Amino acid sequence: MPEEGIELRDKSCFMSSEEVLDIAKTFVGLGVKKIRLTGGEPLIKKDAKNVILQLGKLPVELAITTNGVLVDRFIDVFKEAGIKKVNVSLDSLNEQLFNKISRRSYFQKIKENISLLVKEGFETKINVVVIKDVNEHEIVDFVKWTQKENVHVRFIEFMPFDGNKWEWERKVSYKKIYEIIEKEYGANRILKIQDAKNDTSKNYRLFDGKGTFGVIASVTNPFCDTCNRIRLTADGKIKNCLFSQSETDLLTAHRNGVDIKSLIMTSILTKEKQRGGVGEFDQLQMDKMKNRSMIAIGG
């Protein structure tokens, strides 16, 4: 959340639960095989339980990314909907620093809910945005966590969005993250895992580790060549790349009775080759780039 907050909009600007399900069914009819609910925070939606259960009836793999605060209230819902993979955002293992980063004080609750997810058998990924001079000193601590518990940490390079004060100098690259881990453990203790065809991360484990760790290098080493992801925003627009500055409005068309399949296909077929059309992530380009804050994207 940007420090200054975001402009609030009327709820009519956003998809209703029925519209979420209708549009999701259209995507599934076009061949989509996996749906991930994300945000913002998807579990605060008033009708979250019903949406999750209804999406779970579709012939897709259903997953969710959450801040972890409300997870304990939804464990049974996740199971009923067939969710097996849950990503939790956690940018620090230090309570004081986490509270400073998130401007909230839910650290203990989130850690308890992560333990609950692991105990209940969910594949639990921890999303960690690494920022220079903020939390890069915790990289080894997160890897140690994967050594002891069956958690899957994903370090994410700091990406530019409105309100997050991105600067090139504040990013910690995939190369740097790996060097920090290698210095601590030595290359002979780090095992490269075979990445799946469309993985966004480059994945590893320690030889004696119960979990895994990886790096999502969207800035310095993007996965654009194998990307098969599109995002439907909370207000019903396609972003065919998270960095795309253009969007296709499906919700208005859907409300007007227009067949949205052609809009979907046009958006997908005009997806830029790399980074939403942004050539290089230098400071000059980023100063010109306009992209919603993550909390305003949802999806």
C-alpha atoms as a PDB file:
ATOM      1  CA  MET A   1       0.000   0.000   0.000  1.00  0.00           C
ATOM      2  CA  PRO A   2       1.497   3.395  -0.940  1.00  0.00           C
ATOM      3  CA  GLU A   3       2.105   5.574   2.130  1.00  0.00           C
ATOM      4  CA  GLU A   4      -0.457   8.101   0.925  1.00  0.00           C
ATOM      5  CA  GLY A   5      -3.039   5.362   0.364  1.00  0.00           C
ATOM      6  CA  ILE A   6      -5.078   5.003  -2.831  1.00  0.00           C
ATOM      7  CA  GLU A   7      -8.149   6.738  -4.183  1.00  0.00           C
ATOM      8  CA  LEU A   8     -11.265   4.861  -3.125  1.00  0.00           C
ATOM      9  CA  ARG A   9     -13.802   3.969  -5.793  1.00  0.00           C
ATOM     10  CA  ASP A  10     -17.429   2.942  -5.670  1.00  0.00           C
ATOM     11  CA  LYS A  11     -17.985  -0.806  -5.420  1.00  0.00           C
ATOM     12  CA  SER A  12     -19.808  -0.694  -8.760  1.00  0.00           C
ATOM     13  CA  CYS A  13     -16.414  -0.167 -10.393  1.00  0.00           C
ATOM     14  CA  PHE A  14     -15.387  -3.671  -9.362  1.00  0.00           C
ATOM     15  CA  MET A  15     -16.535  -7.110 -10.427  1.00  0.00           C
ATOM     16  CA  SER A  16     -19.333  -8.581  -8.374  1.00  0.00           C
ATOM     17  CA  SER A  17     -18.983 -12.197  -7.274  1.00  0.00           C
ATOM     18  CA  GLU A  18     -21.281 -13.262 -10.110  1.00  0.00           C
ATOM     19  CA  GLU A  19     -19.200 -11.334 -12.637  1.00  0.00           C
ATOM     20  CA  VAL A  20     -15.979 -12.872 -11.337  1.00  0.00           C
ATOM     21  CA  LEU A  21     -17.444 -16.333 -11.900  1.00  0.00           C
ATOM     22  CA  ASP A  22     -18.954 -15.533 -15.303  1.00  0.00           C
ATOM     23  CA  ILE A  23     -15.729 -14.064 -16.658  1.00  0.00           C
ATOM     24  CA  ALA A  24     -13.658 -16.862 -15.131  1.00  0.00           C
ATOM     25  CA  LYS A  25     -15.837 -19.413 -16.935  1.00  0.00           C
ATOM     26  CA  THR A  26     -15.154 -17.606 -20.213  1.00  0.00           C
ATOM     27  CA  PHE A  27     -11.417 -17.880 -19.652  1.00  0.00           C
ATOM     28  CA  VAL A  28     -11.719 -21.565 -18.780  1.00  0.00           C
ATOM     29  CA  GLY A  29     -13.717 -22.088 -21.972  1.00  0.00           C
ATOM     30  CA  LEU A  30     -10.772 -20.632 -23.874  1.00  0.00           C
ATOM     31  CA  GLY A  31      -8.351 -23.099 -22.325  1.00  0.00           C
ATOM     32  CA  VAL A  32      -7.210 -21.599 -19.022  1.00  0.00           C
ATOM     33  CA  LYS A  33      -6.237 -24.436 -16.676  1.00  0.00           C
ATOM     34  CA  LYS A  34      -5.123 -22.564 -13.565  1.00  0.00           C
ATOM     35  CA  ILE A  35      -6.621 -19.666 -11.617  1.00  0.00           C
ATOM     36  CA  ARG A  36      -4.873 -17.841  -8.797  1.00  0.00           C
ATOM     37  CA  LEU A  37      -6.705 -15.370  -6.577  1.00  0.00           C
ATOM     38  CA  THR A  38      -4.503 -12.509  -5.466  1.00  0.00           C
ATOM     39  CA  GLY A  39      -4.684  -8.854  -4.520  1.00  0.00           C
ATOM     40  CA  GLY A  40      -4.421  -6.659  -2.542  1.00  0.00           C
ATOM     41  CA  GLU A  41      -5.834  -9.219  -0.153  1.00  0.00           C
ATOM     42  CA  PRO A  42      -8.459 -11.559  -1.656  1.00  0.00           C
ATOM     43  CA  LEU A  43      -9.761 -12.925   1.642  1.00  0.00           C
ATOM     44  CA  ILE A  44     -11.217  -9.571   2.731  1.00  0.00           C
ATOM     45  CA  LYS A  45     -13.755  -9.673  -0.100  1.00  0.00           C
ATOM     46  CA  LYS A  46     -17.164  -9.888   1.532  1.00  0.00           C
ATOM     47  CA  ASP A  47     -18.164 -12.961  -0.477  1.00  0.00           C
ATOM     48  CA  ALA A  48     -14.716 -14.580  -0.557  1.00  0.00           C
ATOM     49  CA  LYS A  49     -15.892 -17.965   0.697  1.00  0.00           C
ATOM     50  CA  ASN A  50     -18.536 -18.337  -2.008  1.00  0.00           C
ATOM     51  CA  VAL A  51     -16.206 -17.120  -4.773  1.00  0.00           C
ATOM     52  CA  ILE A  52     -13.514 -19.613  -3.742  1.00  0.00           C
ATOM     53  CA  LEU A  53     -15.963 -22.515  -3.529  1.00  0.00           C
ATOM     54  CA  GLN A  54     -17.579 -21.707  -6.875  1.00  0.00           C
ATOM     55  CA  LEU A  55     -14.227 -21.323  -8.641  1.00  0.00           C
ATOM     56  CA  GLY A  56     -13.229 -24.639  -7.093  1.00  0.00           C
ATOM     57  CA  LYS A  57     -16.006 -26.322  -9.094  1.00  0.00           C
ATOM     58  CA  LEU A  58     -14.379 -25.308 -12.393  1.00  0.00           C
ATOM     59  CA  PRO A  59     -11.985 -27.734 -14.144  1.00  0.00           C
ATOM     60  CA  VAL A  60      -8.895 -25.776 -13.090  1.00  0.00           C
ATOM     61  CA  GLU A  61      -6.096 -25.836 -10.550  1.00  0.00           C
ATOM     62  CA  LEU A  62      -7.110 -23.196  -8.011  1.00  0.00           C
ATOM     63  CA  ALA A  63      -4.496 -21.384  -5.917  1.00  0.00           C
ATOM     64  CA  ILE A  64      -4.320 -18.223  -3.817  1.00  0.00           C
ATOM     65  CA  THR A  65      -1.864 -15.536  -2.734  1.00  0.00           C
ATOM     66  CA  THR A  66      -2.635 -13.885   0.609  1.00  0.00           C
ATOM     67  CA  ASN A  67      -1.097 -11.729   3.317  1.00  0.00           C
ATOM     68  CA  GLY A  68      -1.841 -14.592   5.692  1.00  0.00           C
ATOM     69  CA  VAL A  69      -3.812 -12.686   8.307  1.00  0.00           C
ATOM     70  CA  LEU A  70      -7.167 -14.460   7.777  1.00  0.00           C
ATOM     71  CA  VAL A  71      -5.906 -17.864   6.646  1.00  0.00           C
ATOM     72  CA  ASP A  72      -7.007 -19.739   9.770  1.00  0.00           C
ATOM     73  CA  ARG A  73     -10.636 -18.778   9.054  1.00  0.00           C
ATOM     74  CA  PHE A  74     -10.433 -20.239   5.531  1.00  0.00           C
ATOM     75  CA  ILE A  75      -8.513 -23.512   5.956  1.00  0.00           C
ATOM     76  CA  ASP A  76     -11.652 -25.626   5.574  1.00  0.00           C
ATOM     77  CA  VAL A  77     -12.799 -23.511   2.612  1.00  0.00           C
ATOM     78  CA  PHE A  78      -9.441 -24.033   0.879  1.00  0.00           C
ATOM     79  CA  LYS A  79      -9.738 -27.776   1.367  1.00  0.00           C
ATOM     80  CA  GLU A  80     -13.314 -27.918   0.121  1.00  0.00           C
ATOM     81  CA  ALA A  81     -12.389 -25.905  -2.974  1.00  0.00           C
ATOM     82  CA  GLY A  82      -9.440 -28.170  -3.721  1.00  0.00           C
ATOM     83  CA  ILE A  83      -6.777 -25.528  -3.147  1.00  0.00           C
ATOM     84  CA  LYS A  84      -3.400 -27.154  -2.526  1.00  0.00           C
ATOM     85  CA  LYS A  85      -1.037 -24.213  -3.068  1.00  0.00           C
ATOM     86  CA  VAL A  86      -1.036 -21.072  -0.935  1.00  0.00           C
ATOM     87  CA  ASN A  87       1.419 -18.195  -1.313  1.00  0.00           C
ATOM     88  CA  VAL A  88       1.920 -15.907   1.674  1.00  0.00           C
ATOM     89  CA  SER A  89       3.608 -12.504   1.455  1.00  0.00           C
ATOM     90  CA  LEU A  90       6.179 -11.989   4.223  1.00  0.00           C
ATOM     91  CA  ASP A  91       9.024  -9.540   3.663  1.00  0.00           C
ATOM     92  CA  SER A  92      10.828  -9.963   6.980  1.00  0.00           C
ATOM     93  CA  LEU A  93      11.322 -12.524   9.739  1.00  0.00           C
ATOM     94  CA  ASN A  94      11.920  -9.719  12.207  1.00  0.00           C
ATOM     95  CA  GLU A  95       8.668  -8.581  13.794  1.00  0.00           C
ATOM     96  CA  GLN A  96       9.711  -4.968  14.247  1.00  0.00           C
ATOM     97  CA  LEU A  97      10.959  -4.639  10.676  1.00  0.00           C
ATOM     98  CA  PHE A  98       7.915  -6.445   9.270  1.00  0.00           C
ATOM     99  CA  ASN A  99       5.592  -4.054  11.092  1.00  0.00           C
ATOM    100  CA  LYS A 100       7.557  -1.110   9.702  1.00  0.00           C
ATOM    101  CA  ILE A 101       7.391  -2.437   6.131  1.00  0.00           C
ATOM    102  CA  SER A 102       3.715  -3.418   6.241  1.00  0.00           C
ATOM    103  CA  ARG A 103       2.582  -0.615   8.578  1.00  0.00           C
ATOM    104  CA  ARG A 104       0.548  -3.286  10.356  1.00  0.00           C
ATOM    105  CA  SER A 105       1.166  -5.473  13.424  1.00  0.00           C
ATOM    106  CA  TYR A 106       0.066  -8.932  12.314  1.00  0.00           C
ATOM    107  CA  PHE A 107       3.464 -10.644  12.283  1.00  0.00           C
ATOM    108  CA  GLN A 108       2.737 -13.287  14.919  1.00  0.00           C
ATOM    109  CA  LYS A 109      -0.640 -14.094  13.392  1.00  0.00           C
ATOM    110  CA  ILE A 110       0.887 -14.546   9.945  1.00  0.00           C
ATOM    111  CA  LYS A 111       3.679 -16.794  11.245  1.00  0.00           C
ATOM    112  CA  GLU A 112       1.111 -18.909  13.108  1.00  0.00           C
ATOM    113  CA  ASN A 113      -0.990 -19.231   9.960  1.00  0.00           C
ATOM    114  CA  ILE A 114       2.025 -20.225   7.870  1.00  0.00           C
ATOM    115  CA  SER A 115       2.746 -22.991  10.388  1.00  0.00           C
ATOM    116  CA  LEU A 116      -0.908 -24.008  10.184  1.00  0.00           C
ATOM    117  CA  LEU A 117      -0.754 -24.244   6.384  1.00  0.00           C
ATOM    118  CA  VAL A 118       2.358 -26.401   6.517  1.00  0.00           C
ATOM    119  CA  LYS A 119       0.823 -28.614   9.202  1.00  0.00           C
ATOM    120  CA  GLU A 120      -2.352 -29.056   7.152  1.00  0.00           C
ATOM    121  CA  GLY A 121      -0.355 -30.188   4.125  1.00  0.00           C
ATOM    122  CA  PHE A 122      -0.616 -27.166   1.830  1.00  0.00           C
ATOM    123  CA  GLU A 123       2.295 -26.385  -0.486  1.00  0.00           C
ATOM    124  CA  THR A 124       3.226 -23.123   1.183  1.00  0.00           C
ATOM    125  CA  LYS A 125       5.284 -20.516  -0.647  1.00  0.00           C
ATOM    126  CA  ILE A 126       6.625 -17.408   1.038  1.00  0.00           C
ATOM    127  CA  ASN A 127       6.904 -14.338  -1.214  1.00  0.00           C
ATOM    128  CA  VAL A 128       9.750 -12.024  -0.152  1.00  0.00           C
ATOM    129  CA  VAL A 129      10.349  -8.755  -2.004  1.00  0.00           C
ATOM    130  CA  VAL A 130      14.040  -7.995  -1.464  1.00  0.00           C
ATOM    131  CA  ILE A 131      15.034  -4.319  -1.221  1.00  0.00           C
ATOM    132  CA  LYS A 132      18.553  -3.022  -0.705  1.00  0.00           C
ATOM    133  CA  ASP A 133      19.231  -1.633   2.771  1.00  0.00           C
ATOM    134  CA  VAL A 134      15.814  -2.842   3.951  1.00  0.00           C
ATOM    135  CA  ASN A 135      15.771  -6.640   4.203  1.00  0.00           C
ATOM    136  CA  GLU A 136      18.616  -8.021   2.079  1.00  0.00           C
ATOM    137  CA  HIS A 137      20.430  -8.953   5.304  1.00  0.00           C
ATOM    138  CA  GLU A 138      17.667 -11.513   5.957  1.00  0.00           C
ATOM    139  CA  ILE A 139      18.194 -13.579   2.795  1.00  0.00           C
ATOM    140  CA  VAL A 140      20.228 -16.211   4.638  1.00  0.00           C
ATOM    141  CA  ASP A 141      17.691 -16.337   7.477  1.00  0.00           C
ATOM    142  CA  PHE A 142      14.918 -17.144   5.003  1.00  0.00           C
ATOM    143  CA  VAL A 143      17.036 -19.891   3.418  1.00  0.00           C
ATOM    144  CA  LYS A 144      17.717 -21.342   6.879  1.00  0.00           C
ATOM    145  CA  TRP A 145      13.959 -21.520   7.358  1.00  0.00           C
ATOM    146  CA  THR A 146      13.698 -23.772   4.279  1.00  0.00           C
ATOM    147  CA  GLN A 147      16.379 -25.984   5.767  1.00  0.00           C
ATOM    148  CA  LYS A 148      14.302 -26.676   8.852  1.00  0.00           C
ATOM    149  CA  GLU A 149      10.714 -26.579   7.539  1.00  0.00           C
ATOM    150  CA  ASN A 150       8.817 -27.545   4.405  1.00  0.00           C
ATOM    151  CA  VAL A 151       8.327 -23.982   3.198  1.00  0.00           C
ATOM    152  CA  HIS A 152       9.186 -22.682  -0.241  1.00  0.00           C
ATOM    153  CA  VAL A 153      10.683 -19.187  -0.182  1.00  0.00           C
ATOM    154  CA  ARG A 154      10.607 -17.081  -3.343  1.00  0.00           C
ATOM    155  CA  PHE A 155      12.786 -13.978  -3.332  1.00  0.00           C
ATOM    156  CA  ILE A 156      11.298 -11.355  -5.672  1.00  0.00           C
ATOM    157  CA  GLU A 157      13.302  -8.563  -7.228  1.00  0.00           C
ATOM    158  CA  PHE A 158      11.899  -5.144  -6.335  1.00  0.00           C
ATOM    159  CA  MET A 159       9.627  -4.124  -9.241  1.00  0.00           C
ATOM    160  CA  PRO A 160       8.375  -0.651 -10.244  1.00  0.00           C
ATOM    161  CA  PHE A 161       4.765   0.212  -9.414  1.00  0.00           C
ATOM    162  CA  ASP A 162       3.051   3.482  -8.580  1.00  0.00           C
ATOM    163  CA  GLY A 163       3.700   4.565  -5.023  1.00  0.00           C
ATOM    164  CA  ASN A 164       6.476   2.099  -4.102  1.00  0.00           C
ATOM    165  CA  LYS A 165       9.396   4.533  -4.615  1.00  0.00           C
ATOM    166  CA  TRP A 166      11.224   2.170  -6.945  1.00  0.00           C
ATOM    167  CA  GLU A 167      14.770   3.084  -7.928  1.00  0.00           C
ATOM    168  CA  TRP A 168      17.285   0.974  -9.840  1.00  0.00           C
ATOM    169  CA  GLU A 169      19.770   1.259  -6.978  1.00  0.00           C
ATOM    170  CA  ARG A 170      17.261  -0.227  -4.506  1.00  0.00           C
ATOM    171  CA  LYS A 171      16.892  -3.555  -6.308  1.00  0.00           C
ATOM    172  CA  VAL A 172      18.807  -6.649  -5.232  1.00  0.00           C
ATOM    173  CA  SER A 173      19.444  -8.761  -8.314  1.00  0.00           C
ATOM    174  CA  TYR A 174      19.066 -12.509  -8.805  1.00  0.00           C
ATOM    175  CA  LYS A 175      22.857 -12.713  -9.171  1.00  0.00           C
ATOM    176  CA  LYS A 176      23.434 -10.861  -5.894  1.00  0.00           C
ATOM    177  CA  ILE A 177      20.860 -12.951  -4.000  1.00  0.00           C
ATOM    178  CA  TYR A 178      22.505 -16.175  -5.180  1.00  0.00           C
ATOM    179  CA  GLU A 179      25.974 -14.867  -4.297  1.00  0.00           C
ATOM    180  CA  ILE A 180      24.839 -14.106  -0.742  1.00  0.00           C
ATOM    181  CA  ILE A 181      23.447 -17.631  -0.329  1.00  0.00           C
ATOM    182  CA  GLU A 182      26.474 -19.268  -1.947  1.00  0.00           C
ATOM    183  CA  LYS A 183      28.844 -17.359   0.323  1.00  0.00           C
ATOM    184  CA  GLU A 184      26.974 -18.677   3.378  1.00  0.00           C
ATOM    185  CA  TYR A 185      26.569 -22.307   2.312  1.00  0.00           C
ATOM    186  CA  GLY A 186      29.050 -22.965  -0.485  1.00  0.00           C
ATOM    187  CA  ALA A 187      28.074 -24.083  -3.974  1.00  0.00           C
ATOM    188  CA  ASN A 188      28.405 -27.776  -3.049  1.00  0.00           C
ATOM    189  CA  ARG A 189      25.473 -27.544  -0.600  1.00  0.00           C
ATOM    190  CA  ILE A 190      23.089 -25.865  -3.061  1.00  0.00           C
ATOM    191  CA  LEU A 191      21.137 -28.088  -5.428  1.00  0.00           C
ATOM    192  CA  LYS A 192      19.554 -26.612  -8.567  1.00  0.00           C
ATOM    193  CA  ILE A 193      16.011 -27.903  -9.029  1.00  0.00           C
ATOM    194  CA  GLN A 194      14.622 -28.580 -12.493  1.00  0.00           C
ATOM    195  CA  ASP A 195      12.242 -25.705 -13.163  1.00  0.00           C
ATOM    196  CA  ALA A 196       8.850 -26.447 -14.667  1.00  0.00           C
ATOM    197  CA  LYS A 197       8.229 -25.238 -18.224  1.00  0.00           C
ATOM    198  CA  ASN A 198       6.449 -22.022 -17.218  1.00  0.00           C
ATOM    199  CA  ASP A 199       8.005 -21.337 -13.810  1.00  0.00           C
ATOM    200  CA  THR A 200       8.546 -17.695 -12.942  1.00  0.00           C
ATOM    201  CA  SER A 201      11.341 -18.545 -10.502  1.00  0.00           C
ATOM    202  CA  LYS A 202      14.739 -20.176 -10.685  1.00  0.00           C
ATOM    203  CA  ASN A 203      14.578 -22.771  -7.928  1.00  0.00           C
ATOM    204  CA  TYR A 204      17.033 -24.389  -5.518  1.00  0.00           C
ATOM    205  CA  ARG A 205      17.224 -26.355  -2.316  1.00  0.00           C
ATOM    206  CA  LEU A 206      19.890 -27.078   0.242  1.00  0.00           C
ATOM    207  CA  PHE A 207      20.976 -30.710   0.136  1.00  0.00           C
ATOM    208  CA  ASP A 208      19.677 -31.225   3.672  1.00  0.00           C
ATOM    209  CA  GLY A 209      16.736 -28.824   3.310  1.00  0.00           C
ATOM    210  CA  LYS A 210      13.106 -29.761   3.864  1.00  0.00           C
ATOM    211  CA  GLY A 211      11.882 -26.879   1.700  1.00  0.00           C
ATOM    212  CA  THR A 212      13.130 -24.930  -1.310  1.00  0.00           C
ATOM    213  CA  PHE A 213      14.078 -21.397  -2.270  1.00  0.00           C
ATOM    214  CA  GLY A 214      14.148 -19.519  -5.548  1.00  0.00           C
ATOM    215  CA  VAL A 215      14.377 -16.114  -7.172  1.00  0.00           C
ATOM    216  CA  ILE A 216      11.805 -14.356  -9.348  1.00  0.00           C
ATOM    217  CA  ALA A 217      14.047 -12.080 -11.421  1.00  0.00           C
ATOM    218  CA  SER A 218      11.457  -9.974 -13.230  1.00  0.00           C
ATOM    219  CA  VAL A 219      13.828  -7.025 -13.532  1.00  0.00           C
ATOM    220  CA  THR A 220      17.318  -8.390 -14.253  1.00  0.00           C
ATOM    221  CA  ASN A 221      16.545 -11.822 -15.740  1.00  0.00           C
ATOM    222  CA  PRO A 222      12.888 -11.916 -16.832  1.00  0.00           C
ATOM    223  CA  PHE A 223      11.006 -15.079 -17.751  1.00  0.00           C
ATOM    224  CA  CYS A 224       9.122 -13.470 -20.654  1.00  0.00           C
ATOM    225  CA  ASP A 225      10.017 -16.184 -23.207  1.00  0.00           C
ATOM    226  CA  THR A 226       8.064 -18.817 -21.274  1.00  0.00           C
ATOM    227  CA  CYS A 227       5.428 -16.620 -19.617  1.00  0.00           C
ATOM    228  CA  ASN A 228       1.875 -17.956 -19.974  1.00  0.00           C
ATOM    229  CA  ARG A 229       0.241 -15.666 -17.410  1.00  0.00           C
ATOM    230  CA  ILE A 230      -2.417 -13.006 -17.764  1.00  0.00           C
ATOM    231  CA  ARG A 231      -4.135 -11.020 -15.039  1.00  0.00           C
ATOM    232  CA  LEU A 232      -7.760 -10.031 -14.662  1.00  0.00           C
ATOM    233  CA  THR A 233      -7.843  -7.019 -12.363  1.00  0.00           C
ATOM    234  CA  ALA A 234     -10.379  -6.531  -9.599  1.00  0.00           C
ATOM    235  CA  ASP A 235     -12.156  -3.971 -11.785  1.00  0.00           C
ATOM    236  CA  GLY A 236     -12.431  -6.394 -14.682  1.00  0.00           C
ATOM    237  CA  LYS A 237      -9.569  -5.421 -16.962  1.00  0.00           C
ATOM    238  CA  ILE A 238      -6.932  -7.623 -18.585  1.00  0.00           C
ATOM    239  CA  LYS A 239      -3.316  -6.787 -17.946  1.00  0.00           C
ATOM    240  CA  ASN A 240      -1.558  -9.149 -20.337  1.00  0.00           C
ATOM    241  CA  CYS A 241       1.687  -8.406 -18.494  1.00  0.00           C
ATOM    242  CA  LEU A 242       2.135  -7.146 -14.950  1.00  0.00           C
ATOM    243  CA  PHE A 243       4.266  -4.323 -16.399  1.00  0.00           C
ATOM    244  CA  SER A 244       1.792  -3.460 -19.152  1.00  0.00           C
ATOM    245  CA  GLN A 245       0.636   0.152 -19.116  1.00  0.00           C
ATOM    246  CA  SER A 246      -2.400  -0.651 -21.268  1.00  0.00           C
ATOM    247  CA  GLU A 247      -5.432  -2.663 -20.194  1.00  0.00           C
ATOM    248  CA  THR A 248      -8.483  -4.163 -21.897  1.00  0.00           C
ATOM    249  CA  ASP A 249     -11.834  -3.488 -20.227  1.00  0.00           C
ATOM    250  CA  LEU A 250     -13.816  -6.741 -20.059  1.00  0.00           C
ATOM    251  CA  LEU A 251     -16.212  -5.740 -17.317  1.00  0.00           C
ATOM    252  CA  THR A 252     -17.929  -2.926 -19.212  1.00  0.00           C
ATOM    253  CA  ALA A 253     -18.269  -5.133 -22.284  1.00  0.00           C
ATOM    254  CA  HIS A 254     -19.646  -7.982 -20.177  1.00  0.00           C
ATOM    255  CA  ARG A 255     -22.221  -5.703 -18.552  1.00  0.00           C
ATOM    256  CA  ASN A 256     -23.292  -4.499 -22.000  1.00  0.00           C
ATOM    257  CA  GLY A 257     -23.867  -8.028 -23.201  1.00  0.00           C
ATOM    258  CA  VAL A 258     -20.871  -8.047 -25.536  1.00  0.00           C
ATOM    259  CA  ASP A 259     -19.095 -11.364 -26.174  1.00  0.00           C
ATOM    260  CA  ILE A 260     -15.759 -10.821 -24.423  1.00  0.00           C
ATOM    261  CA  LYS A 261     -13.932 -13.745 -26.056  1.00  0.00           C
ATOM    262  CA  SER A 262     -12.643 -11.632 -28.928  1.00  0.00           C
ATOM    263  CA  LEU A 263     -11.403  -8.957 -26.498  1.00  0.00           C
ATOM    264  CA  ILE A 264      -9.551 -11.604 -24.512  1.00  0.00           C
ATOM    265  CA  MET A 265      -7.932 -13.102 -27.589  1.00  0.00           C
ATOM    266  CA  THR A 266      -6.909  -9.713 -28.981  1.00  0.00           C
ATOM    267  CA  SER A 267      -5.284  -8.796 -25.669  1.00  0.00           C
ATOM    268  CA  ILE A 268      -3.377 -12.062 -25.471  1.00  0.00           C
ATOM    269  CA  LEU A 269      -2.260 -12.011 -29.105  1.00  0.00           C
ATOM    270  CA  THR A 270      -0.954  -8.438 -28.769  1.00  0.00           C
ATOM    271  CA  LYS A 271       1.064  -9.225 -25.631  1.00  0.00           C
ATOM    272  CA  GLU A 272       4.493  -7.602 -25.933  1.00  0.00           C
ATOM    273  CA  LYS A 273       7.517  -9.851 -26.306  1.00  0.00           C
ATOM    274  CA  GLN A 274       9.123  -8.598 -23.111  1.00  0.00           C
ATOM    275  CA  ARG A 275       8.215  -6.654 -19.954  1.00  0.00           C
ATOM    276  CA  GLY A 276       5.007  -5.160 -21.294  1.00  0.00           C
ATOM    277  CA  GLY A 277       6.953  -3.316 -23.994  1.00  0.00           C
ATOM    278  CA  VAL A 278       9.444  -1.732 -21.603  1.00  0.00           C
ATOM    279  CA  GLY A 279      12.900  -2.135 -23.132  1.00  0.00           C
ATOM    280  CA  GLU A 280      15.251  -1.820 -20.197  1.00  0.00           C
ATOM    281  CA  PHE A 281      14.611  -1.075 -16.549  1.00  0.00           C
ATOM    282  CA  ASP A 282      16.773   2.030 -16.308  1.00  0.00           C
ATOM    283  CA  GLN A 283      15.830   4.974 -14.136  1.00  0.00           C
ATOM    284  CA  LEU A 284      14.860   7.184 -17.083  1.00  0.00           C
ATOM    285  CA  GLN A 285      12.378   4.643 -18.426  1.00  0.00           C
ATOM    286  CA  MET A 286      10.900   4.012 -15.005  1.00  0.00           C
ATOM    287  CA  ASP A 287      10.405   7.712 -14.340  1.00  0.00           C
ATOM    288  CA  LYS A 288       8.160   7.808 -17.429  1.00  0.00           C
ATOM    289  CA  MET A 289       6.358   4.540 -16.687  1.00  0.00           C
ATOM    290  CA  LYS A 290       2.902   4.603 -15.148  1.00  0.00           C
ATOM    291  CA  ASN A 291       1.617   1.384 -13.613  1.00  0.00           C
ATOM    292  CA  ARG A 292      -0.971   0.927 -10.892  1.00  0.00           C
ATOM    293  CA  SER A 293       0.181   0.019  -7.412  1.00  0.00           C
ATOM    294  CA  MET A 294      -0.229  -3.702  -6.738  1.00  0.00           C
ATOM    295  CA  ILE A 295      -3.048  -3.120  -4.268  1.00  0.00           C
ATOM    296  CA  ALA A 296      -4.990  -1.289  -6.997  1.00  0.00           C
ATOM    297  CA  ILE A 297      -4.517  -4.164  -9.467  1.00  0.00           C
ATOM    298  CA  GLY A 298      -5.902  -7.114  -7.551  1.00  0.00           C
ATOM    299  CA  GLY A 299      -7.144 -10.038  -9.589  1.00  0.00           C
END
